[in-house]
Protein backbone atom coordinates (compact mmCIF):
# COMPACT_ATOMS: atom_id res chain seq x y z
CA UNK A 1 -177.69 -105.80 145.10
CA UNK A 2 -181.21 -104.32 145.29
CA UNK A 3 -182.89 -102.77 142.11
CA UNK A 4 -182.67 -98.34 142.92
CA UNK A 5 -186.03 -97.02 144.20
CA UNK A 6 -186.15 -94.25 141.12
CA UNK A 7 -186.26 -97.19 138.71
CA UNK A 8 -189.16 -99.04 140.25
CA UNK A 9 -191.10 -95.89 140.91
CA UNK A 10 -189.88 -95.49 137.25
CA UNK A 11 -190.88 -98.59 135.74
CA UNK A 12 -194.34 -98.50 137.63
CA UNK A 13 -195.31 -95.02 136.58
CA UNK A 14 -194.65 -95.79 133.18
CA UNK A 15 -196.72 -98.92 132.46
CA UNK A 16 -199.57 -96.60 134.60
CA UNK A 17 -199.57 -93.90 132.44
CA UNK A 18 -199.53 -95.41 129.40
CA UNK A 19 -202.42 -98.03 129.95
CA UNK A 20 -204.82 -94.30 130.51
CA UNK A 21 -203.45 -92.48 127.60
CA UNK A 22 -204.68 -95.90 125.36
CA UNK A 23 -207.73 -95.89 127.12
CA UNK A 24 -207.73 -91.94 126.81
CA UNK A 25 -206.54 -92.17 123.19
CA UNK A 26 -208.95 -95.13 121.70
CA UNK A 27 -212.47 -94.08 123.94
CA UNK A 28 -214.71 -91.70 122.90
CA UNK A 29 -215.16 -89.04 125.54
CA UNK A 30 -212.64 -85.98 125.07
CA UNK A 31 -216.28 -83.74 125.43
CA UNK A 32 -220.06 -84.57 126.15
CA UNK A 33 -222.84 -81.99 124.80
CA UNK A 34 -226.27 -82.01 126.75
CA UNK A 35 -229.46 -80.59 125.56
CA UNK A 36 -229.34 -80.76 122.08
CA UNK A 37 -231.88 -79.50 119.63
CA UNK A 38 -234.75 -80.81 118.01
CA UNK A 39 -233.63 -84.52 120.27
CA UNK A 40 -234.88 -85.74 123.69
CA UNK A 41 -233.41 -84.74 126.44
CA UNK A 42 -231.92 -87.76 127.41
CA UNK A 43 -230.09 -88.12 124.17
CA UNK A 44 -225.64 -87.22 125.02
CA UNK A 45 -222.75 -87.55 122.36
CA UNK A 46 -219.53 -87.67 123.18
CA UNK A 47 -216.91 -86.40 121.11
CA UNK A 48 -213.44 -88.28 121.50
CA UNK A 49 -210.67 -88.00 118.60
CA UNK A 50 -211.06 -91.06 116.95
CA UNK A 51 -215.39 -91.34 117.19
CA UNK A 52 -218.43 -90.12 118.11
CA UNK A 53 -220.98 -91.64 120.04
CA UNK A 54 -224.45 -90.80 121.03
CA UNK A 55 -225.89 -92.11 124.40
CA UNK A 56 -229.23 -92.41 125.75
CA UNK A 57 -229.22 -92.04 129.45
CA UNK A 58 -232.65 -93.60 129.91
CA UNK A 59 -231.63 -97.10 128.43
CA UNK A 60 -228.36 -96.95 128.29
CA UNK A 61 -228.28 -97.75 124.92
CA UNK A 62 -225.11 -96.96 122.91
CA UNK A 63 -224.81 -95.79 119.66
CA UNK A 64 -221.45 -94.96 117.35
CA UNK A 65 -219.55 -93.90 114.56
CA UNK A 66 -221.99 -91.08 114.39
CA UNK A 67 -221.24 -88.67 111.47
CA UNK A 68 -219.09 -85.37 112.03
CA UNK A 69 -217.54 -84.38 109.05
CA UNK A 70 -217.26 -80.79 110.71
CA UNK A 71 -216.01 -82.21 113.81
CA UNK A 72 -212.88 -83.87 112.44
CA UNK A 73 -212.00 -81.57 109.91
CA UNK A 74 -210.31 -79.30 113.48
CA UNK A 75 -207.00 -78.87 113.44
CA UNK A 76 -206.90 -79.18 117.16
CA UNK A 77 -208.77 -83.20 116.30
CA UNK A 78 -205.79 -83.59 113.94
CA UNK A 79 -202.81 -83.21 116.03
CA UNK A 80 -204.55 -84.83 118.64
CA UNK A 81 -204.43 -88.37 116.78
CA UNK A 82 -200.85 -87.22 115.91
CA UNK A 83 -199.58 -86.45 119.20
CA UNK A 84 -201.19 -89.33 121.17
CA UNK A 85 -199.89 -92.41 118.86
CA UNK A 86 -196.57 -90.85 118.94
CA UNK A 87 -196.43 -90.64 122.52
CA UNK A 88 -198.29 -93.93 123.11
CA UNK A 89 -195.43 -96.04 120.88
CA UNK A 90 -192.25 -93.71 122.59
CA UNK A 91 -193.85 -94.65 125.47
CA UNK A 92 -193.62 -98.35 124.58
CA UNK A 93 -189.68 -98.62 123.21
CA UNK A 94 -188.95 -96.46 126.00
CA UNK A 95 -190.06 -99.32 128.93
CA UNK A 96 -188.57 -101.03 126.72
CA UNK A 97 -185.05 -99.32 127.34
CA UNK A 98 -185.62 -98.63 130.87
CA UNK A 99 -185.82 -102.09 131.72
CA UNK A 100 -182.56 -103.62 129.07
CA UNK A 101 -181.12 -100.56 131.27
CA UNK A 102 -181.72 -101.61 134.43
CA UNK A 103 -181.23 -105.04 134.62
CA UNK A 104 -182.99 -106.55 137.39
CA UNK A 105 -181.52 -109.66 136.82
CA UNK A 106 -178.12 -108.74 137.48
CA UNK A 107 -175.72 -107.33 140.55
CA UNK A 108 -175.80 -103.93 138.94
CA UNK A 109 -178.00 -101.83 137.19
CA UNK A 110 -175.97 -99.33 134.12
CA UNK A 111 -177.42 -96.24 134.94
CA UNK A 112 -176.97 -94.54 131.24
CA UNK A 113 -179.84 -96.31 129.74
CA UNK A 114 -181.45 -96.68 132.12
CA UNK A 115 -181.38 -92.93 132.66
CA UNK A 116 -181.84 -92.71 128.72
CA UNK A 117 -184.90 -94.76 129.01
CA UNK A 118 -186.29 -92.29 131.50
CA UNK A 119 -185.76 -89.44 129.65
CA UNK A 120 -188.07 -91.25 127.03
CA UNK A 121 -190.84 -91.77 129.38
CA UNK A 122 -190.92 -87.90 130.43
CA UNK A 123 -190.75 -86.98 126.76
CA UNK A 124 -193.50 -89.33 126.05
CA UNK A 125 -195.38 -87.80 128.56
CA UNK A 126 -195.16 -84.80 127.34
CA UNK A 127 -196.71 -85.99 124.17
CA UNK A 128 -199.35 -86.23 126.04
CA UNK A 129 -200.36 -83.27 127.76
CA UNK A 130 -199.89 -81.09 124.64
CA UNK A 131 -202.88 -81.81 122.77
CA UNK A 132 -205.01 -82.83 126.07
CA UNK A 133 -204.26 -79.46 127.13
CA UNK A 134 -204.53 -77.24 124.07
CA UNK A 135 -207.72 -79.80 123.63
CA UNK A 136 -209.38 -78.12 127.11
CA UNK A 137 -208.59 -74.58 126.45
CA UNK A 138 -210.03 -74.95 123.19
CA UNK A 139 -213.32 -76.77 123.86
CA UNK A 140 -216.32 -74.63 123.99
CA UNK A 141 -214.38 -73.13 120.66
CA UNK A 142 -214.93 -75.67 118.74
CA UNK A 143 -218.39 -76.04 116.81
CA UNK A 144 -221.28 -78.15 118.44
CA UNK A 145 -224.86 -78.72 118.19
CA UNK A 146 -225.28 -77.09 121.75
CA UNK A 147 -224.43 -74.59 124.06
CA UNK A 148 -224.14 -77.04 127.51
CA UNK A 149 -220.53 -78.50 126.94
CA UNK A 150 -218.93 -80.28 128.75
CA UNK A 151 -215.05 -81.80 129.94
CA UNK A 152 -215.12 -86.18 129.30
CA UNK A 153 -213.27 -89.39 131.38
CA UNK A 154 -211.10 -89.30 128.48
CA UNK A 155 -209.19 -85.30 129.28
CA UNK A 156 -209.15 -86.11 133.38
CA UNK A 157 -207.51 -89.75 132.12
CA UNK A 158 -205.38 -87.96 129.54
CA UNK A 159 -203.78 -85.52 132.17
CA UNK A 160 -203.49 -88.22 135.24
CA UNK A 161 -201.05 -90.62 132.42
CA UNK A 162 -199.13 -87.70 131.56
CA UNK A 163 -198.84 -86.61 134.60
CA UNK A 164 -197.44 -90.06 135.97
CA UNK A 165 -195.17 -90.23 132.73
CA UNK A 166 -193.50 -87.13 133.07
CA UNK A 167 -192.72 -88.40 136.64
CA UNK A 168 -191.03 -91.27 136.25
CA UNK A 169 -189.19 -90.04 134.09
CA UNK A 170 -187.81 -87.41 135.72
CA UNK A 171 -186.97 -89.74 138.63
CA UNK A 172 -185.74 -92.30 136.35
CA UNK A 173 -183.54 -89.84 134.59
CA UNK A 174 -181.67 -89.53 137.59
CA UNK A 175 -179.24 -92.73 136.34
CA UNK A 176 -177.65 -89.57 134.06
CA UNK A 177 -176.84 -87.61 136.53
CA UNK A 178 -174.97 -90.37 138.66
CA UNK A 179 -173.98 -91.87 135.70
CA UNK A 180 -172.14 -88.10 134.64
CA UNK A 181 -170.64 -87.79 138.61
CA UNK A 182 -169.18 -90.65 138.12
CA UNK A 183 -167.13 -89.98 135.09
CA UNK A 184 -166.02 -87.13 136.36
CA UNK A 185 -164.53 -88.11 140.12
CA UNK A 186 -163.02 -90.95 137.90
CA UNK A 187 -161.81 -89.04 135.26
CA UNK A 188 -160.27 -86.72 138.38
CA UNK A 189 -158.81 -89.44 140.08
CA UNK A 190 -157.04 -91.01 137.09
CA UNK A 191 -156.16 -87.14 136.90
CA UNK A 192 -153.97 -86.99 141.00
CA UNK A 193 -152.73 -90.29 139.83
CA UNK A 194 -150.95 -88.77 136.25
CA UNK A 195 -149.96 -85.51 138.64
CA UNK A 196 -148.94 -87.58 141.38
CA UNK A 197 -146.63 -89.76 139.06
CA UNK A 198 -145.20 -87.57 136.69
CA UNK A 199 -144.29 -84.93 140.09
CA UNK A 200 -143.04 -87.10 142.93
CA UNK A 201 -143.21 -84.74 146.18
CA UNK A 202 -139.54 -85.00 147.72
CA UNK A 203 -139.08 -87.79 150.45
CA UNK A 204 -138.33 -86.24 153.98
CA UNK A 205 -134.75 -87.37 154.54
CA UNK A 206 -134.13 -88.53 158.34
CA UNK A 207 -131.81 -89.19 160.39
CA UNK A 208 -131.71 -91.49 162.50
CA UNK A 209 -128.13 -92.14 165.76
CA UNK A 210 -126.29 -94.96 166.19
CA UNK A 211 -126.13 -96.48 169.62
CA UNK A 212 -121.68 -95.47 169.83
CA UNK A 213 -122.81 -91.79 168.89
CA UNK A 214 -123.18 -89.27 172.25
CA UNK A 215 -125.67 -87.62 170.25
CA UNK A 216 -129.66 -87.93 171.54
CA UNK A 217 -131.64 -89.29 169.84
CA UNK A 218 -134.54 -86.85 171.24
CA UNK A 219 -134.70 -83.44 168.76
CA UNK A 220 -134.15 -80.04 170.35
CA UNK A 221 -133.14 -76.92 169.28
CA UNK A 222 -129.16 -76.24 170.86
CA UNK A 223 -127.52 -72.89 170.36
CA UNK A 224 -123.61 -71.62 171.17
CA UNK A 225 -125.54 -68.23 172.70
CA UNK A 226 -128.29 -69.92 174.44
CA UNK A 227 -125.87 -71.54 176.94
CA UNK A 228 -125.52 -70.03 180.43
CA UNK A 229 -123.16 -70.81 183.15
CA UNK A 230 -125.11 -70.84 185.92
CA UNK A 231 -122.71 -70.26 189.60
CA UNK A 232 -122.54 -72.96 191.60
CA UNK A 233 -123.90 -72.65 195.05
CA UNK A 234 -121.12 -72.71 197.54
CA UNK A 235 -121.20 -74.68 200.72
CA UNK A 236 -121.49 -73.11 203.95
CA UNK A 237 -119.69 -74.21 206.93
CA UNK A 238 -120.61 -76.17 209.64
CA UNK A 239 -120.87 -74.06 212.72
CA UNK A 240 -121.80 -76.63 215.00
CA UNK A 241 -119.19 -77.57 217.12
CA UNK A 242 -116.84 -80.81 216.97
CA UNK A 243 -115.89 -83.19 220.13
CA UNK A 244 -112.70 -84.17 218.99
CA UNK A 245 -111.87 -86.63 222.23
CA UNK A 246 -114.89 -88.41 221.35
CA UNK A 247 -113.10 -91.45 220.04
CA UNK A 248 -115.35 -94.83 221.09
CA UNK A 249 -116.52 -97.11 218.54
CA UNK A 250 -120.38 -96.26 216.73
CA UNK A 251 -122.63 -98.82 217.70
CA UNK A 252 -125.40 -99.83 215.44
CA UNK A 253 -127.83 -98.07 218.10
CA UNK A 254 -125.60 -95.11 216.39
CA UNK A 255 -126.07 -95.12 212.97
């Protein structure tokens, strides 16, 4: 038996989303700050949820591990760190559960286990989208040395990865619906069998006439009330004259 397409889709989208979320988590580019006062025009500060880097566009130099206590003290940073880590860990567990349920090495998959794995993948995608969307919403209100604030590529990767996980999880969760449908059909079949054994319908009795019987084998409805006497047609006498003198023997030509 071939692996169902919904499981293939889920097992492809989940790892891809996990890679994008991992990049979004560790990379220091949730937002970029340009035109910083007191700095040269080519200086760009990239801020993530774990690190801050200062880049120089003219020389391509990068200086990471920048200290900004005020930035990391924001509530959204702590929440984003916890939710992104939880999403990554849950997605790894979900992929393992889904793989055990799909069982590509066997003829039939385990729909319930694969559906539970898809549900976990869906939850991991939601956990990744929440901090990314929240950070994007309040990005300009977080303390910053400049008003020129732009969206970093980590937010884009986080959105794409979370959506891929949500779609993959939803697709694989269809296995739970099929499992419930099979269970309902199985219970209904068992109920019908038990009902038929407890209350069997009476057998139809058929009377077969014997060979010696004068009754006809063709079924019809007969009643004495329906019997009608039809008058027999009377034979009209022949008015043609008969030649009694004709006594010759008949020949073959006369017949």
